[in-house]
């Protein structure tokens, strides 16, 4: 590779960010442009930094990783977002991929796996580290599908307590379409109740910025 891959690390734990930076700086074909403490700091500097790959933590103060990923991909679609998380639960992984992340790597993976993940997403591939892959495709083969962008939007509306009819009006679609999406969301997330959907949305930052969660 003639040009170096330009990487930004976004994590609110300085020791984690600095540790990853130290690892990546050992590779000749990677340039770490910055280590930032939250999603908003990345958005503010996105155009100036113009990263090829963003290593994104999920749970951060202010603008969280999921919301930041969506904004990054809206403004700079060519940037690959690689989620770096300590959570190996299937719903975290499927949600991250549903928001447009190209890969998911657990923070306790061996050093070289982070490099492998960066190389993979730069080739246009999706990358799931071994632990994350296992979480999405359990032995019984009943892996969960990521939510589509439309399903994410409908989840946000439903989690705010809106009825199917209110969601249909807000999104200019039929009530039947909302009902279908709602069934698919519940099936994919393994959640049976509306309260469960709201709890999921709160825990995963889907409601961030709507004023619903304070």
Protein backbone atom coordinates (compact mmCIF):
# COMPACT_ATOMS: atom_id res chain seq x y z
CA UNK A 1 0.00 0.00 0.00
CA UNK A 2 1.65 3.21 -1.14
CA UNK A 3 -0.43 5.63 0.90
CA UNK A 4 -0.85 5.29 4.63
CA UNK A 5 -4.29 4.62 6.09
CA UNK A 6 -5.40 7.68 8.05
CA UNK A 7 -6.98 6.66 11.36
CA UNK A 8 -8.79 8.59 14.10
CA UNK A 9 -9.40 6.96 17.51
CA UNK A 10 -12.52 8.09 19.43
CA UNK A 11 -12.71 6.81 23.01
CA UNK A 12 -13.46 8.57 26.29
CA UNK A 13 -10.86 6.49 28.15
CA UNK A 14 -7.47 8.15 27.48
CA UNK A 15 -5.49 5.06 28.47
CA UNK A 16 -7.39 2.92 25.98
CA UNK A 17 -7.02 5.48 23.19
CA UNK A 18 -3.32 6.02 23.87
CA UNK A 19 -2.70 2.29 24.06
CA UNK A 20 -4.30 1.71 20.66
CA UNK A 21 -2.44 4.70 19.22
CA UNK A 22 0.88 3.30 20.45
CA UNK A 23 0.06 -0.06 18.85
CA UNK A 24 -0.95 1.41 15.48
CA UNK A 25 2.01 3.78 15.27
CA UNK A 26 4.21 0.70 15.07
CA UNK A 27 2.86 0.05 11.56
CA UNK A 28 4.44 1.90 8.64
CA UNK A 29 1.22 1.91 6.60
CA UNK A 30 -0.96 3.57 9.29
CA UNK A 31 -1.04 7.20 10.37
CA UNK A 32 -2.97 8.07 13.55
CA UNK A 33 -4.34 11.56 12.91
CA UNK A 34 -5.88 12.15 16.36
CA UNK A 35 -7.27 10.55 19.50
CA UNK A 36 -10.54 12.19 20.58
CA UNK A 37 -12.68 11.82 23.71
CA UNK A 38 -16.21 11.86 22.29
CA UNK A 39 -18.31 11.80 19.15
CA UNK A 40 -18.85 15.55 18.99
CA UNK A 41 -15.10 16.21 18.93
CA UNK A 42 -14.90 13.96 15.87
CA UNK A 43 -17.80 15.65 14.09
CA UNK A 44 -16.28 19.09 14.77
CA UNK A 45 -13.00 18.07 13.13
CA UNK A 46 -14.23 15.56 10.56
CA UNK A 47 -13.61 17.64 7.44
CA UNK A 48 -10.18 18.82 8.61
CA UNK A 49 -8.99 15.35 9.61
CA UNK A 50 -10.65 13.47 6.68
CA UNK A 51 -9.93 10.01 8.14
CA UNK A 52 -10.04 6.81 6.14
CA UNK A 53 -10.99 4.80 9.24
CA UNK A 54 -12.51 5.82 12.58
CA UNK A 55 -12.09 3.48 15.56
CA UNK A 56 -15.25 4.35 17.48
CA UNK A 57 -16.17 3.54 21.07
CA UNK A 58 -19.93 3.08 21.62
CA UNK A 59 -20.60 4.43 25.10
CA UNK A 60 -19.29 7.97 25.44
CA UNK A 61 -20.56 11.13 27.15
CA UNK A 62 -22.32 13.67 24.95
CA UNK A 63 -22.61 12.34 21.41
CA UNK A 64 -22.34 8.56 21.60
CA UNK A 65 -20.76 6.21 19.10
CA UNK A 66 -23.93 5.19 17.27
CA UNK A 67 -25.13 8.75 16.71
CA UNK A 68 -21.63 9.88 15.72
CA UNK A 69 -21.35 7.00 13.23
CA UNK A 70 -24.55 8.08 11.46
CA UNK A 71 -23.38 11.69 11.22
CA UNK A 72 -19.92 10.69 9.98
CA UNK A 73 -21.42 8.55 7.22
CA UNK A 74 -23.87 11.27 6.19
CA UNK A 75 -21.09 13.84 5.86
CA UNK A 76 -18.26 11.62 4.67
CA UNK A 77 -19.60 8.33 3.27
CA UNK A 78 -16.13 7.15 2.22
CA UNK A 79 -14.96 6.99 5.85
CA UNK A 80 -15.10 3.48 7.34
CA UNK A 81 -16.26 3.26 10.95
CA UNK A 82 -14.90 0.38 13.00
CA UNK A 83 -16.61 0.01 16.37
CA UNK A 84 -14.28 -0.78 19.26
CA UNK A 85 -16.26 -1.97 22.26
CA UNK A 86 -16.17 -4.13 25.35
CA UNK A 87 -19.76 -5.29 24.71
CA UNK A 88 -20.12 -8.62 22.90
CA UNK A 89 -23.93 -8.88 23.18
CA UNK A 90 -25.57 -9.55 19.77
CA UNK A 91 -27.87 -6.53 20.02
CA UNK A 92 -24.91 -4.17 20.39
CA UNK A 93 -23.19 -5.66 17.36
CA UNK A 94 -26.28 -5.78 15.12
CA UNK A 95 -27.21 -2.22 16.09
CA UNK A 96 -23.72 -0.92 15.32
CA UNK A 97 -23.77 -2.60 11.90
CA UNK A 98 -27.30 -1.30 11.34
CA UNK A 99 -26.01 2.25 11.91
CA UNK A 100 -23.45 1.75 9.14
CA UNK A 101 -20.35 0.53 10.97
CA UNK A 102 -18.15 -1.63 8.73
CA UNK A 103 -16.79 -3.72 11.55
CA UNK A 104 -16.91 -4.57 15.23
CA UNK A 105 -13.88 -5.34 17.37
CA UNK A 106 -13.84 -6.16 21.08
CA UNK A 107 -11.37 -4.15 23.15
CA UNK A 108 -9.66 -7.23 24.55
CA UNK A 109 -8.63 -8.68 21.18
CA UNK A 110 -4.95 -9.33 20.41
CA UNK A 111 -3.08 -6.31 19.04
CA UNK A 112 -2.78 -7.58 15.49
CA UNK A 113 -6.54 -8.08 15.21
CA UNK A 114 -7.13 -4.31 15.28
CA UNK A 115 -4.69 -3.97 12.39
CA UNK A 116 -6.41 -6.84 10.53
CA UNK A 117 -9.76 -5.11 11.03
CA UNK A 118 -8.47 -1.82 9.61
CA UNK A 119 -6.99 -3.59 6.59
CA UNK A 120 -10.23 -5.50 6.00
CA UNK A 121 -12.53 -2.46 6.03
CA UNK A 122 -10.08 -0.60 3.79
CA UNK A 123 -10.52 -3.44 1.28
CA UNK A 124 -14.27 -2.85 1.46
CA UNK A 125 -14.98 -5.90 3.59
CA UNK A 126 -17.02 -6.17 6.77
CA UNK A 127 -14.98 -7.28 9.77
CA UNK A 128 -16.20 -8.97 12.94
CA UNK A 129 -13.59 -10.08 15.47
CA UNK A 130 -13.79 -13.67 16.69
CA UNK A 131 -15.82 -12.87 19.83
CA UNK A 132 -18.20 -10.62 17.93
CA UNK A 133 -18.67 -13.16 15.16
CA UNK A 134 -19.60 -15.79 17.72
CA UNK A 135 -22.17 -13.48 19.29
CA UNK A 136 -23.91 -12.85 15.95
CA UNK A 137 -23.84 -16.45 14.73
CA UNK A 138 -24.44 -18.77 17.68
CA UNK A 139 -24.08 -22.53 17.31
CA UNK A 140 -27.77 -22.98 16.56
CA UNK A 141 -27.44 -20.66 13.57
CA UNK A 142 -30.04 -18.22 14.89
CA UNK A 143 -27.95 -15.09 14.40
CA UNK A 144 -29.68 -11.73 14.58
CA UNK A 145 -29.94 -9.47 11.58
CA UNK A 146 -29.00 -5.80 11.95
CA UNK A 147 -31.83 -3.28 11.81
CA UNK A 148 -32.19 -1.39 8.54
CA UNK A 149 -32.04 2.41 8.55
CA UNK A 150 -35.84 2.52 8.16
CA UNK A 151 -36.27 0.17 11.12
CA UNK A 152 -33.92 2.34 13.19
CA UNK A 153 -36.09 5.36 12.38
CA UNK A 154 -39.29 3.53 13.31
CA UNK A 155 -37.70 2.22 16.52
CA UNK A 156 -36.90 5.81 17.47
CA UNK A 157 -40.52 6.86 16.86
CA UNK A 158 -41.99 3.90 18.75
CA UNK A 159 -39.60 4.36 21.66
CA UNK A 160 -40.97 7.87 22.12
CA UNK A 161 -44.34 6.30 22.91
CA UNK A 162 -46.00 6.97 19.56
CA UNK A 163 -48.75 4.68 18.29
CA UNK A 164 -48.50 2.89 14.95
CA UNK A 165 -50.87 5.47 13.48
CA UNK A 166 -48.79 8.40 14.77
CA UNK A 167 -45.62 6.85 13.38
CA UNK A 168 -47.34 6.28 10.03
CA UNK A 169 -48.37 9.96 9.85
CA UNK A 170 -44.93 11.20 10.93
CA UNK A 171 -43.12 9.11 8.30
CA UNK A 172 -45.83 9.32 5.61
CA UNK A 173 -46.24 5.55 5.34
CA UNK A 174 -49.21 3.24 5.92
CA UNK A 175 -50.13 1.86 9.34
CA UNK A 176 -49.73 -1.64 7.92
CA UNK A 177 -46.15 -0.83 6.92
CA UNK A 178 -45.41 0.39 10.44
CA UNK A 179 -46.91 -2.80 11.88
CA UNK A 180 -44.72 -4.92 9.60
CA UNK A 181 -41.59 -3.01 10.55
CA UNK A 182 -42.54 -3.23 14.22
CA UNK A 183 -42.83 -7.02 14.00
CA UNK A 184 -39.46 -7.23 12.22
CA UNK A 185 -37.78 -5.00 14.82
CA UNK A 186 -39.12 -7.11 17.69
CA UNK A 187 -38.08 -10.31 15.93
CA UNK A 188 -34.57 -9.07 15.16
CA UNK A 189 -33.96 -7.73 18.65
CA UNK A 190 -35.70 -10.58 20.43
CA UNK A 191 -37.95 -8.10 22.24
CA UNK A 192 -41.65 -8.79 22.73
CA UNK A 193 -43.01 -5.57 24.28
CA UNK A 194 -43.09 -1.86 23.46
CA UNK A 195 -41.59 -1.17 26.89
CA UNK A 196 -38.72 -3.45 25.91
CA UNK A 197 -38.19 -1.46 22.71
CA UNK A 198 -38.10 1.78 24.70
CA UNK A 199 -35.61 0.31 27.17
CA UNK A 200 -33.44 -0.94 24.31
CA UNK A 201 -33.52 2.49 22.65
CA UNK A 202 -32.53 4.22 25.88
CA UNK A 203 -29.70 1.77 26.62
CA UNK A 204 -28.27 2.05 23.10
CA UNK A 205 -28.48 5.81 22.77
CA UNK A 206 -31.14 5.70 20.05
CA UNK A 207 -33.12 8.37 21.90
CA UNK A 208 -30.09 10.65 22.35
CA UNK A 209 -30.86 14.21 21.40
CA UNK A 210 -34.63 13.75 21.31
CA UNK A 211 -35.16 15.04 24.83
CA UNK A 212 -36.95 11.82 25.78
CA UNK A 213 -34.22 10.56 28.08
CA UNK A 214 -33.61 13.91 29.73
